[in-house]
């Protein structure tokens, strides 16, 4: 297996810069065993069976992109852009700073009504201690921060007020992510009600998605995933067990929910409540313990997310799926269209 095996050419016009409206109007490619069908997210209940279980990630994206000015005793100010990556404690965050070379430990960065001290740095990565924590920090970030759009969108346009809602799931309740669980952006209250009427259950887990999700893979043999905090509680474990008992399928909505399930299952040998950090790297050869399918968007070439779906469906099969998506004009990446991946010919009763 080579890194080149996960490469493909994507026409520029298929990179989605805005989401479909309403959310469920996005297209849905259904890969059911060897078959491929073109559908819409609004018709998702038609592709699932009563008793199936959708696993949702309830993380909430914080306004993690900040613009400020370096304050240094005896030195001139400098414009600094910061993207928060991961919380270490109440007031301390790891972050990426640009330009990082202008910062040194002991510097202060002022972000309007918020400030932070640089504790240490490693290249562009810095550790910041803010001047407040808890609800006070959350309120300040909400006031001065911007939505941390993915790099391939941010390079083409600035985040705006619409992104505050668009780049957030309708069930986001636990703040801490700096990237959205994008497959779940397609779900709205109307669709969730239709799924419930169909007899499709839902449950929630948490994974606070980090900026590392966008990092390219340079070498398959040495690549290490950035750790992200996650949790699966007793209620979600019981929902999975109940779905199994009734013969339903367990289908995570998004690679983040899948990674929580597989981490918890791998840690115990069977699914059990779990909380902690995961750096699980799912690629071809992985044995899935807790997952029967996946709803997910279309991913970047050479990315760990593309490797994950290749592990689920098979590399040759995922190449066919992506070739079909490109040929039929599906929109790619975070604000793009979606797919329902069902390996092994798991055709739903419709």
Protein backbone atom coordinates (compact mmCIF):
# COMPACT_ATOMS: atom_id res chain seq x y z
CA UNK A 1 0.00 0.00 0.00
CA UNK A 2 1.43 3.35 -1.10
CA UNK A 3 0.44 6.93 -0.45
CA UNK A 4 -0.15 7.32 -4.19
CA UNK A 5 -2.93 4.72 -3.94
CA UNK A 6 -5.05 7.37 -2.20
CA UNK A 7 -4.56 10.13 -4.75
CA UNK A 8 -7.10 11.42 -7.26
CA UNK A 9 -7.67 14.50 -9.38
CA UNK A 10 -10.61 16.70 -8.43
CA UNK A 11 -11.93 19.48 -10.67
CA UNK A 12 -11.78 22.82 -8.86
CA UNK A 13 -15.48 23.49 -9.45
CA UNK A 14 -16.45 20.46 -7.32
CA UNK A 15 -14.98 21.97 -4.12
CA UNK A 16 -17.99 23.27 -2.17
CA UNK A 17 -17.51 26.72 -0.64
CA UNK A 18 -21.07 26.96 0.73
CA UNK A 19 -23.47 24.26 1.94
CA UNK A 20 -26.70 23.26 0.26
CA UNK A 21 -29.86 24.83 1.65
CA UNK A 22 -31.87 23.39 3.24
CA UNK A 23 -29.33 21.05 4.82
CA UNK A 24 -31.00 17.85 3.65
CA UNK A 25 -31.07 19.07 0.03
CA UNK A 26 -27.52 17.78 -0.43
CA UNK A 27 -27.04 14.83 -2.74
CA UNK A 28 -26.43 11.38 -1.27
CA UNK A 29 -24.42 8.69 -3.04
CA UNK A 30 -25.48 5.29 -1.71
CA UNK A 31 -22.85 2.56 -2.09
CA UNK A 32 -24.68 -0.62 -1.13
CA UNK A 33 -22.34 -3.55 -1.61
CA UNK A 34 -21.45 -3.53 -5.31
CA UNK A 35 -24.30 -1.17 -6.28
CA UNK A 36 -24.21 2.62 -6.48
CA UNK A 37 -27.34 4.78 -6.41
CA UNK A 38 -27.80 8.54 -6.62
CA UNK A 39 -30.18 9.98 -4.05
CA UNK A 40 -30.56 12.93 -1.67
CA UNK A 41 -29.99 13.28 2.07
CA UNK A 42 -33.70 14.03 2.49
CA UNK A 43 -34.35 10.46 1.36
CA UNK A 44 -31.97 8.94 3.91
CA UNK A 45 -34.86 7.18 5.75
CA UNK A 46 -35.59 5.25 2.54
CA UNK A 47 -32.12 3.69 2.66
CA UNK A 48 -32.30 2.63 6.29
CA UNK A 49 -34.39 -0.02 8.01
CA UNK A 50 -36.43 0.12 11.22
CA UNK A 51 -34.11 -0.89 14.02
CA UNK A 52 -30.98 0.68 12.51
CA UNK A 53 -29.00 3.07 14.72
CA UNK A 54 -27.31 6.31 13.66
CA UNK A 55 -24.48 7.46 15.93
CA UNK A 56 -24.09 11.26 16.06
CA UNK A 57 -21.19 13.39 17.29
CA UNK A 58 -22.55 16.15 19.54
CA UNK A 59 -19.36 18.24 19.69
CA UNK A 60 -19.74 21.99 19.19
CA UNK A 61 -17.32 24.05 17.10
CA UNK A 62 -15.89 27.03 18.94
CA UNK A 63 -14.90 30.33 17.22
CA UNK A 64 -11.28 29.19 17.25
CA UNK A 65 -9.68 31.62 14.78
CA UNK A 66 -8.38 34.80 16.41
CA UNK A 67 -6.61 37.91 15.11
CA UNK A 68 -4.51 39.98 17.48
CA UNK A 69 -1.42 42.04 18.12
CA UNK A 70 1.77 40.96 19.85
CA UNK A 71 2.65 43.06 22.89
CA UNK A 72 6.30 42.88 23.95
CA UNK A 73 8.17 45.10 26.40
CA UNK A 74 10.50 47.36 24.44
CA UNK A 75 9.38 45.88 21.11
CA UNK A 76 7.05 46.87 18.31
CA UNK A 77 3.63 45.30 17.92
CA UNK A 78 3.09 42.65 15.27
CA UNK A 79 -0.07 41.31 13.61
CA UNK A 80 -0.67 37.69 14.70
CA UNK A 81 -3.28 35.15 13.56
CA UNK A 82 -4.02 32.23 15.88
CA UNK A 83 -6.05 29.06 15.40
CA UNK A 84 -6.79 27.13 18.57
CA UNK A 85 -6.03 23.43 18.27
CA UNK A 86 -6.67 21.71 21.60
CA UNK A 87 -7.44 22.70 25.18
CA UNK A 88 -4.88 21.53 27.75
CA UNK A 89 -6.57 22.99 30.83
CA UNK A 90 -9.13 25.64 31.66
CA UNK A 91 -7.10 28.59 30.38
CA UNK A 92 -4.31 26.88 28.42
CA UNK A 93 -4.64 25.97 24.74
CA UNK A 94 -2.31 24.63 22.09
CA UNK A 95 -2.59 26.74 18.96
CA UNK A 96 -1.10 27.41 15.57
CA UNK A 97 0.22 30.95 15.15
CA UNK A 98 1.03 32.84 11.96
CA UNK A 99 3.67 34.13 11.66
CA UNK A 100 5.03 31.97 14.47
CA UNK A 101 8.54 33.37 14.05
CA UNK A 102 7.36 36.69 15.51
CA UNK A 103 6.48 35.11 18.85
CA UNK A 104 8.61 34.13 21.83
CA UNK A 105 7.77 32.74 25.28
CA UNK A 106 6.62 35.57 27.52
CA UNK A 107 4.98 37.57 24.72
CA UNK A 108 1.40 38.70 25.16
CA UNK A 109 -1.12 38.67 22.33
CA UNK A 110 -4.07 41.04 22.59
CA UNK A 111 -7.30 39.99 20.86
CA UNK A 112 -9.60 42.98 21.45
CA UNK A 113 -11.25 42.15 24.81
CA UNK A 114 -9.14 39.02 25.34
CA UNK A 115 -5.42 38.41 25.81
CA UNK A 116 -3.07 35.44 26.13
CA UNK A 117 0.52 34.82 27.19
CA UNK A 118 2.82 32.65 25.07
CA UNK A 119 4.07 29.92 27.40
CA UNK A 120 6.30 28.13 24.87
CA UNK A 121 6.53 27.44 21.16
CA UNK A 122 7.70 24.81 18.68
CA UNK A 123 7.80 26.29 15.19
CA UNK A 124 4.29 27.52 14.40
CA UNK A 125 2.75 25.70 17.36
CA UNK A 126 2.42 27.65 20.59
CA UNK A 127 0.94 27.12 24.03
CA UNK A 128 -1.20 30.02 25.17
CA UNK A 129 -2.54 30.89 28.62
CA UNK A 130 -5.57 33.13 28.34
CA UNK A 131 -6.47 35.76 30.91
CA UNK A 132 -9.73 33.93 31.76
CA UNK A 133 -11.26 30.47 31.59
CA UNK A 134 -14.55 28.61 31.70
CA UNK A 135 -17.67 30.52 30.73
CA UNK A 136 -15.79 33.82 30.66
CA UNK A 137 -13.34 32.48 28.07
CA UNK A 138 -16.14 30.92 26.01
CA UNK A 139 -18.01 34.24 25.96
CA UNK A 140 -14.88 36.16 24.93
CA UNK A 141 -14.11 33.70 22.12
CA UNK A 142 -17.67 33.98 20.91
CA UNK A 143 -17.30 37.76 20.82
CA UNK A 144 -13.93 38.07 19.07
CA UNK A 145 -13.30 34.70 17.37
CA UNK A 146 -14.17 33.57 13.85
CA UNK A 147 -15.45 30.23 12.58
CA UNK A 148 -12.38 28.07 11.81
CA UNK A 149 -13.22 27.14 8.24
CA UNK A 150 -11.11 24.39 6.64
CA UNK A 151 -7.95 25.66 4.92
CA UNK A 152 -9.22 24.95 1.41
CA UNK A 153 -12.26 27.17 2.05
CA UNK A 154 -10.41 29.85 4.04
CA UNK A 155 -7.97 30.24 1.15
CA UNK A 156 -10.87 31.12 -1.16
CA UNK A 157 -13.09 33.28 1.06
CA UNK A 158 -13.36 34.68 4.58
CA UNK A 159 -15.64 33.24 7.22
CA UNK A 160 -18.81 35.27 7.71
CA UNK A 161 -21.95 35.36 9.83
CA UNK A 162 -23.60 32.55 7.85
CA UNK A 163 -20.80 30.16 8.76
CA UNK A 164 -21.62 30.51 12.46
CA UNK A 165 -24.77 28.46 11.77
CA UNK A 166 -23.76 26.53 8.65
CA UNK A 167 -20.58 25.07 10.22
CA UNK A 168 -22.46 23.70 13.24
CA UNK A 169 -24.72 20.66 13.57
CA UNK A 170 -28.26 21.20 14.82
CA UNK A 171 -27.52 18.99 17.86
CA UNK A 172 -24.12 20.47 18.82
CA UNK A 173 -24.07 20.80 22.61
CA UNK A 174 -20.52 20.17 23.90
CA UNK A 175 -18.06 22.97 22.99
CA UNK A 176 -14.50 21.99 22.16
CA UNK A 177 -14.10 21.24 18.44
CA UNK A 178 -12.12 23.40 16.02
CA UNK A 179 -13.52 21.57 12.99
CA UNK A 180 -17.06 20.35 12.39
CA UNK A 181 -18.20 16.72 12.13
CA UNK A 182 -19.25 17.59 8.61
CA UNK A 183 -21.33 14.55 7.65
CA UNK A 184 -23.82 15.56 10.34
CA UNK A 185 -24.18 19.09 8.92
CA UNK A 186 -26.71 17.57 6.49
CA UNK A 187 -29.16 16.59 9.23
CA UNK A 188 -31.92 18.94 10.36
CA UNK A 189 -34.85 18.62 12.74
CA UNK A 190 -37.25 17.62 9.96
CA UNK A 191 -35.01 14.81 8.78
CA UNK A 192 -34.35 13.61 12.34
CA UNK A 193 -38.11 13.42 12.89
CA UNK A 194 -38.53 11.46 9.64
CA UNK A 195 -35.84 9.01 10.73
CA UNK A 196 -37.57 8.51 14.06
CA UNK A 197 -40.89 7.89 12.28
CA UNK A 198 -39.14 5.28 10.15
CA UNK A 199 -38.01 3.50 13.31
CA UNK A 200 -34.36 4.51 12.96
CA UNK A 201 -32.83 5.24 16.36
CA UNK A 202 -30.13 7.80 17.13
CA UNK A 203 -27.60 8.13 19.92
CA UNK A 204 -24.77 10.55 20.66
CA UNK A 205 -21.06 10.34 21.32
CA UNK A 206 -18.47 13.11 21.50
CA UNK A 207 -15.21 13.72 19.68
CA UNK A 208 -13.74 17.22 19.81
CA UNK A 209 -12.35 17.43 16.28
CA UNK A 210 -8.92 19.06 16.06
CA UNK A 211 -7.15 20.96 13.32
CA UNK A 212 -4.97 17.89 12.77
CA UNK A 213 -7.80 16.41 10.74
CA UNK A 214 -6.63 18.60 7.83
CA UNK A 215 -2.94 17.72 8.02
CA UNK A 216 -1.61 15.90 4.94
CA UNK A 217 -0.04 12.48 5.17
CA UNK A 218 3.58 12.66 4.04
CA UNK A 219 4.63 9.10 4.82
CA UNK A 220 2.27 6.20 5.54
CA UNK A 221 4.81 4.34 7.66
CA UNK A 222 5.55 7.22 10.02
CA UNK A 223 2.31 9.23 10.08
CA UNK A 224 0.89 9.85 13.55
CA UNK A 225 -2.59 11.15 14.18
CA UNK A 226 -3.08 14.15 16.46
CA UNK A 227 -4.85 13.07 19.63
CA UNK A 228 -8.45 14.24 20.08
CA UNK A 229 -10.63 14.02 23.17
CA UNK A 230 -13.70 11.82 22.99
CA UNK A 231 -16.33 10.05 25.04
CA UNK A 232 -18.96 7.35 24.66
CA UNK A 233 -21.27 7.13 27.63
CA UNK A 234 -23.40 4.29 29.04
CA UNK A 235 -26.53 5.42 27.16
CA UNK A 236 -24.75 5.23 23.79
CA UNK A 237 -23.25 1.83 24.63
CA UNK A 238 -26.69 0.54 25.57
CA UNK A 239 -28.15 1.95 22.31
CA UNK A 240 -25.53 0.06 20.29
CA UNK A 241 -26.15 -3.16 22.19
CA UNK A 242 -29.92 -2.78 21.73
CA UNK A 243 -29.49 -2.24 17.99
CA UNK A 244 -27.37 -5.37 17.74
CA UNK A 245 -29.93 -7.37 19.74
CA UNK A 246 -32.76 -6.41 17.38
CA UNK A 247 -30.70 -7.06 14.26
CA UNK A 248 -30.19 -3.40 13.39
CA UNK A 249 -27.10 -1.86 11.86
CA UNK A 250 -24.83 0.59 13.66
CA UNK A 251 -24.03 3.46 11.28
CA UNK A 252 -21.94 6.40 12.51
CA UNK A 253 -22.69 9.76 10.93
CA UNK A 254 -19.17 10.94 10.17
CA UNK A 255 -15.67 9.57 10.57
CA UNK A 256 -15.39 11.23 13.99
CA UNK A 257 -18.28 9.22 15.46
CA UNK A 258 -16.81 6.09 13.86
CA UNK A 259 -13.41 6.73 15.43
CA UNK A 260 -14.99 7.03 18.88
CA UNK A 261 -16.79 3.71 18.44
CA UNK A 262 -13.74 1.90 17.14
CA UNK A 263 -11.49 3.37 19.83
CA UNK A 264 -13.84 2.28 22.61
CA UNK A 265 -14.26 -1.19 21.11
CA UNK A 266 -10.51 -1.64 20.59
CA UNK A 267 -9.75 -0.55 24.14
CA UNK A 268 -11.93 -3.24 25.71
CA UNK A 269 -12.35 -5.91 23.05
CA UNK A 270 -16.07 -5.16 23.27
CA UNK A 271 -17.96 -1.88 23.31
CA UNK A 272 -18.01 -0.28 26.74
CA UNK A 273 -18.15 3.28 28.10
CA UNK A 274 -14.93 5.14 27.37
CA UNK A 275 -13.47 8.61 27.83
CA UNK A 276 -10.05 9.94 26.92
CA UNK A 277 -7.83 10.87 24.00
CA UNK A 278 -7.67 8.87 20.81
CA UNK A 279 -5.10 8.91 18.03
CA UNK A 280 -6.52 5.86 16.25
CA UNK A 281 -5.41 5.69 12.60
CA UNK A 282 -7.88 3.60 10.61
CA UNK A 283 -6.57 2.42 7.25
CA UNK A 284 -6.90 -0.69 5.06
CA UNK A 285 -6.34 -3.75 7.20
CA UNK A 286 -8.30 -2.41 10.18
CA UNK A 287 -10.82 -4.86 11.66
CA UNK A 288 -14.05 -3.02 12.41
CA UNK A 289 -15.57 -4.05 15.74
CA UNK A 290 -18.47 -1.64 16.19
CA UNK A 291 -19.42 -0.30 12.76
CA UNK A 292 -21.66 -1.69 9.99
CA UNK A 293 -21.66 1.30 7.67
CA UNK A 294 -20.91 5.01 7.52
CA UNK A 295 -22.50 8.26 6.39
CA UNK A 296 -19.71 10.60 5.36
CA UNK A 297 -18.75 13.40 2.97
CA UNK A 298 -16.17 13.09 0.18
CA UNK A 299 -12.64 13.54 1.45
CA UNK A 300 -9.34 15.09 0.41
CA UNK A 301 -6.84 13.11 -1.65
CA UNK A 302 -4.10 11.40 0.39
CA UNK A 303 -5.96 12.13 3.64
CA UNK A 304 -6.41 9.89 6.66
CA UNK A 305 -10.17 10.20 6.13
CA UNK A 306 -9.90 8.74 2.63
CA UNK A 307 -7.83 5.92 4.10
CA UNK A 308 -10.57 5.29 6.67
CA UNK A 309 -13.31 4.87 4.06
CA UNK A 310 -10.98 2.66 2.01
CA UNK A 311 -10.56 0.49 5.10
CA UNK A 312 -14.34 0.16 5.36
CA UNK A 313 -15.19 -0.41 1.69
CA UNK A 314 -11.93 -1.64 0.16
CA UNK A 315 -9.48 0.48 -1.82
CA UNK A 316 -10.67 -0.59 -5.29
CA UNK A 317 -14.29 -0.07 -4.30
CA UNK A 318 -13.68 3.42 -2.89
CA UNK A 319 -11.90 4.36 -6.12
CA UNK A 320 -15.03 3.34 -8.05
CA UNK A 321 -17.24 5.34 -5.69
CA UNK A 322 -15.10 8.49 -6.00
CA UNK A 323 -14.87 8.12 -9.77
CA UNK A 324 -18.68 7.94 -9.91
CA UNK A 325 -18.99 10.99 -7.64
CA UNK A 326 -16.63 13.07 -9.78
CA UNK A 327 -18.21 11.97 -13.05
CA UNK A 328 -21.66 12.88 -11.74
CA UNK A 329 -20.74 16.27 -10.30
CA UNK A 330 -20.99 15.60 -6.57
CA UNK A 331 -19.71 18.47 -4.41
CA UNK A 332 -16.69 17.59 -2.26
CA UNK A 333 -15.30 18.23 1.22
CA UNK A 334 -16.77 19.88 4.33
CA UNK A 335 -19.67 21.78 2.75
CA UNK A 336 -20.15 19.22 -0.01
CA UNK A 337 -22.49 16.32 -0.65
CA UNK A 338 -22.65 13.08 1.31
CA UNK A 339 -22.43 9.33 0.89
CA UNK A 340 -23.90 6.31 2.65
CA UNK A 341 -21.33 3.50 2.60
CA UNK A 342 -22.73 0.04 3.26
CA UNK A 343 -20.11 -2.71 2.79
CA UNK A 344 -21.02 -6.31 2.13
CA UNK A 345 -24.33 -5.79 0.33
CA UNK A 346 -26.27 -4.74 3.42
CA UNK A 347 -29.37 -3.72 1.47
CA UNK A 348 -32.01 -2.13 3.69
CA UNK A 349 -35.63 -3.28 3.65
CA UNK A 350 -37.47 -0.50 1.87
